[in-house]
Amino acid sequence: MAGSALAAALLVVSATLSVGLAAVGGAAVTAQRAAGAADAAALAAADAASGAVPTADEPCALAARVAAASGAALTSCSLEGYVATVSVEAAYAGLAAVSRARAGPPEEP
């Protein structure tokens, strides 16, 4: 009987750890997905603003499309000349992973 109780306890602990690690892993993947979506959206907006990418869309509208294609939602977008700053949000288990990115030409010395 004692061996069965010990085995059951080990199974419960193992299952709990597995679920916890899966949740942490999923949150980490979502955070990285949000960061990638922010980078891609900022680059798309900066390229559209500079004319490097011909598009009929406004730069921030293009950034929203790129973010949505990456599984995130654009929450803010601003342009200062050819420099785009965006913020995106991706959801995981009811929580939001927020990421910001900035893209544009290099700063002059």
C-alpha atoms as a PDB file:
ATOM      1  CA  MET A   1       0.000   0.000   0.000  1.00  0.00           C
ATOM      2  CA  ALA A   2       2.772   2.457   0.846  1.00  0.00           C
ATOM      3  CA  GLY A   3       4.407   1.873  -2.539  1.00  0.00           C
ATOM      4  CA  SER A   4       1.135   2.619  -4.342  1.00  0.00           C
ATOM      5  CA  ALA A   5       0.668   5.859  -2.415  1.00  0.00           C
ATOM      6  CA  LEU A   6       4.233   6.907  -3.186  1.00  0.00           C
ATOM      7  CA  ALA A   7       3.784   6.113  -6.876  1.00  0.00           C
ATOM      8  CA  ALA A   8       0.522   8.072  -6.987  1.00  0.00           C
ATOM      9  CA  ALA A   9       2.168  11.037  -5.263  1.00  0.00           C
ATOM     10  CA  LEU A  10       5.047  10.977  -7.758  1.00  0.00           C
ATOM     11  CA  LEU A  11       2.593  10.936 -10.641  1.00  0.00           C
ATOM     12  CA  VAL A  12       0.699  13.914  -9.217  1.00  0.00           C
ATOM     13  CA  VAL A  13       3.930  15.888  -8.722  1.00  0.00           C
ATOM     14  CA  SER A  14       5.127  15.007 -12.226  1.00  0.00           C
ATOM     15  CA  ALA A  15       1.812  16.013 -13.776  1.00  0.00           C
ATOM     16  CA  THR A  16       1.779  19.307 -11.875  1.00  0.00           C
ATOM     17  CA  LEU A  17       5.321  20.136 -12.960  1.00  0.00           C
ATOM     18  CA  SER A  18       4.532  19.236 -16.562  1.00  0.00           C
ATOM     19  CA  VAL A  19       1.496  21.509 -16.662  1.00  0.00           C
ATOM     20  CA  GLY A  20       3.476  24.343 -15.073  1.00  0.00           C
ATOM     21  CA  LEU A  21       6.353  23.979 -17.502  1.00  0.00           C
ATOM     22  CA  ALA A  22       3.948  23.867 -20.438  1.00  0.00           C
ATOM     23  CA  ALA A  23       2.319  27.112 -19.266  1.00  0.00           C
ATOM     24  CA  VAL A  24       5.669  28.856 -18.845  1.00  0.00           C
ATOM     25  CA  GLY A  25       6.833  27.584 -22.232  1.00  0.00           C
ATOM     26  CA  GLY A  26       3.661  28.806 -23.916  1.00  0.00           C
ATOM     27  CA  ALA A  27       4.036  32.237 -22.341  1.00  0.00           C
ATOM     28  CA  ALA A  28       7.654  32.450 -23.512  1.00  0.00           C
ATOM     29  CA  VAL A  29       6.665  31.497 -27.065  1.00  0.00           C
ATOM     30  CA  THR A  30       3.915  34.123 -27.044  1.00  0.00           C
ATOM     31  CA  ALA A  31       6.332  36.802 -25.830  1.00  0.00           C
ATOM     32  CA  GLN A  32       8.760  35.945 -28.630  1.00  0.00           C
ATOM     33  CA  ARG A  33       5.930  35.931 -31.166  1.00  0.00           C
ATOM     34  CA  ALA A  34       4.886  39.418 -29.997  1.00  0.00           C
ATOM     35  CA  ALA A  35       8.480  40.658 -30.286  1.00  0.00           C
ATOM     36  CA  GLY A  36       8.778  39.287 -33.817  1.00  0.00           C
ATOM     37  CA  ALA A  37       5.439  40.790 -34.804  1.00  0.00           C
ATOM     38  CA  ALA A  38       6.491  44.188 -33.439  1.00  0.00           C
ATOM     39  CA  ASP A  39       9.782  44.073 -35.333  1.00  0.00           C
ATOM     40  CA  ALA A  40       8.092  43.099 -38.589  1.00  0.00           C
ATOM     41  CA  ALA A  41       5.340  45.712 -38.195  1.00  0.00           C
ATOM     42  CA  ALA A  42       7.836  48.492 -37.451  1.00  0.00           C
ATOM     43  CA  LEU A  43       9.946  47.547 -40.456  1.00  0.00           C
ATOM     44  CA  ALA A  44       6.871  47.447 -42.704  1.00  0.00           C
ATOM     45  CA  ALA A  45       5.713  50.880 -41.536  1.00  0.00           C
ATOM     46  CA  ALA A  46       9.188  52.416 -41.917  1.00  0.00           C
ATOM     47  CA  ASP A  47       9.626  50.911 -45.373  1.00  0.00           C
ATOM     48  CA  ALA A  48       6.191  52.144 -46.455  1.00  0.00           C
ATOM     49  CA  ALA A  49       6.908  55.637 -45.101  1.00  0.00           C
ATOM     50  CA  SER A  50      10.229  55.863 -46.942  1.00  0.00           C
ATOM     51  CA  GLY A  51       8.778  54.500 -50.177  1.00  0.00           C
ATOM     52  CA  ALA A  52      11.060  51.448 -50.147  1.00  0.00           C
ATOM     53  CA  VAL A  53       7.946  49.262 -50.347  1.00  0.00           C
ATOM     54  CA  PRO A  54       5.336  50.513 -52.800  1.00  0.00           C
ATOM     55  CA  THR A  55       1.904  50.128 -51.232  1.00  0.00           C
ATOM     56  CA  ALA A  56      -1.478  51.794 -51.427  1.00  0.00           C
ATOM     57  CA  ASP A  57      -1.894  51.442 -47.649  1.00  0.00           C
ATOM     58  CA  GLU A  58      -0.877  54.011 -45.080  1.00  0.00           C
ATOM     59  CA  PRO A  59       2.248  52.913 -43.151  1.00  0.00           C
ATOM     60  CA  CYS A  60       0.345  52.208 -39.924  1.00  0.00           C
ATOM     61  CA  ALA A  61      -2.365  50.290 -41.789  1.00  0.00           C
ATOM     62  CA  LEU A  62       0.339  48.145 -43.354  1.00  0.00           C
ATOM     63  CA  ALA A  63       1.894  47.642 -39.908  1.00  0.00           C
ATOM     64  CA  ALA A  64      -1.492  46.486 -38.573  1.00  0.00           C
ATOM     65  CA  ARG A  65      -1.809  43.945 -41.403  1.00  0.00           C
ATOM     66  CA  VAL A  66       1.704  42.613 -40.791  1.00  0.00           C
ATOM     67  CA  ALA A  67       1.081  42.336 -37.037  1.00  0.00           C
ATOM     68  CA  ALA A  68      -2.202  40.499 -37.628  1.00  0.00           C
ATOM     69  CA  ALA A  69      -0.465  38.086 -40.006  1.00  0.00           C
ATOM     70  CA  SER A  70       1.985  37.345 -37.185  1.00  0.00           C
ATOM     71  CA  GLY A  71      -0.804  36.603 -34.715  1.00  0.00           C
ATOM     72  CA  ALA A  72      -0.713  39.907 -32.840  1.00  0.00           C
ATOM     73  CA  ALA A  73      -2.736  43.106 -32.732  1.00  0.00           C
ATOM     74  CA  LEU A  74      -1.264  46.543 -33.356  1.00  0.00           C
ATOM     75  CA  THR A  75      -2.031  48.748 -30.339  1.00  0.00           C
ATOM     76  CA  SER A  76      -0.126  51.888 -31.312  1.00  0.00           C
ATOM     77  CA  CYS A  77       1.787  53.235 -34.282  1.00  0.00           C
ATOM     78  CA  SER A  78       3.564  56.531 -34.713  1.00  0.00           C
ATOM     79  CA  LEU A  79       5.743  57.975 -37.450  1.00  0.00           C
ATOM     80  CA  GLU A  80       8.381  60.667 -37.119  1.00  0.00           C
ATOM     81  CA  GLY A  81       9.718  61.182 -40.605  1.00  0.00           C
ATOM     82  CA  TYR A  82      10.835  57.742 -41.756  1.00  0.00           C
ATOM     83  CA  VAL A  83      11.087  56.320 -38.222  1.00  0.00           C
ATOM     84  CA  ALA A  84       8.211  54.090 -37.139  1.00  0.00           C
ATOM     85  CA  THR A  85       7.494  53.111 -33.540  1.00  0.00           C
ATOM     86  CA  VAL A  86       4.884  50.408 -32.970  1.00  0.00           C
ATOM     87  CA  SER A  87       3.435  48.481 -30.076  1.00  0.00           C
ATOM     88  CA  VAL A  88       1.722  45.111 -30.465  1.00  0.00           C
ATOM     89  CA  GLU A  89      -0.127  42.740 -28.188  1.00  0.00           C
ATOM     90  CA  ALA A  90      -0.499  38.965 -28.366  1.00  0.00           C
ATOM     91  CA  ALA A  91      -2.750  36.951 -26.056  1.00  0.00           C
ATOM     92  CA  TYR A  92      -1.997  33.714 -24.234  1.00  0.00           C
ATOM     93  CA  ALA A  93      -4.285  32.088 -21.670  1.00  0.00           C
ATOM     94  CA  GLY A  94      -6.075  35.352 -20.969  1.00  0.00           C
ATOM     95  CA  LEU A  95      -2.851  37.311 -20.485  1.00  0.00           C
ATOM     96  CA  ALA A  96      -1.331  39.826 -22.876  1.00  0.00           C
ATOM     97  CA  ALA A  97       2.250  39.892 -24.096  1.00  0.00           C
ATOM     98  CA  VAL A  98       3.103  43.438 -25.167  1.00  0.00           C
ATOM     99  CA  SER A  99       6.121  44.350 -27.269  1.00  0.00           C
ATOM    100  CA  ARG A 100       7.415  47.566 -28.811  1.00  0.00           C
ATOM    101  CA  ALA A 101       9.764  48.101 -31.731  1.00  0.00           C
ATOM    102  CA  ARG A 102      11.278  50.998 -33.610  1.00  0.00           C
ATOM    103  CA  ALA A 103      12.587  50.976 -37.183  1.00  0.00           C
ATOM    104  CA  GLY A 104      13.934  53.478 -39.629  1.00  0.00           C
ATOM    105  CA  PRO A 105      17.114  54.766 -41.202  1.00  0.00           C
ATOM    106  CA  PRO A 106      20.255  54.884 -39.051  1.00  0.00           C
ATOM    107  CA  GLU A 107      20.843  57.941 -36.913  1.00  0.00           C
ATOM    108  CA  GLU A 108      23.364  60.399 -38.248  1.00  0.00           C
ATOM    109  CA  PRO A 109      26.461  60.922 -36.084  1.00  0.00           C
END
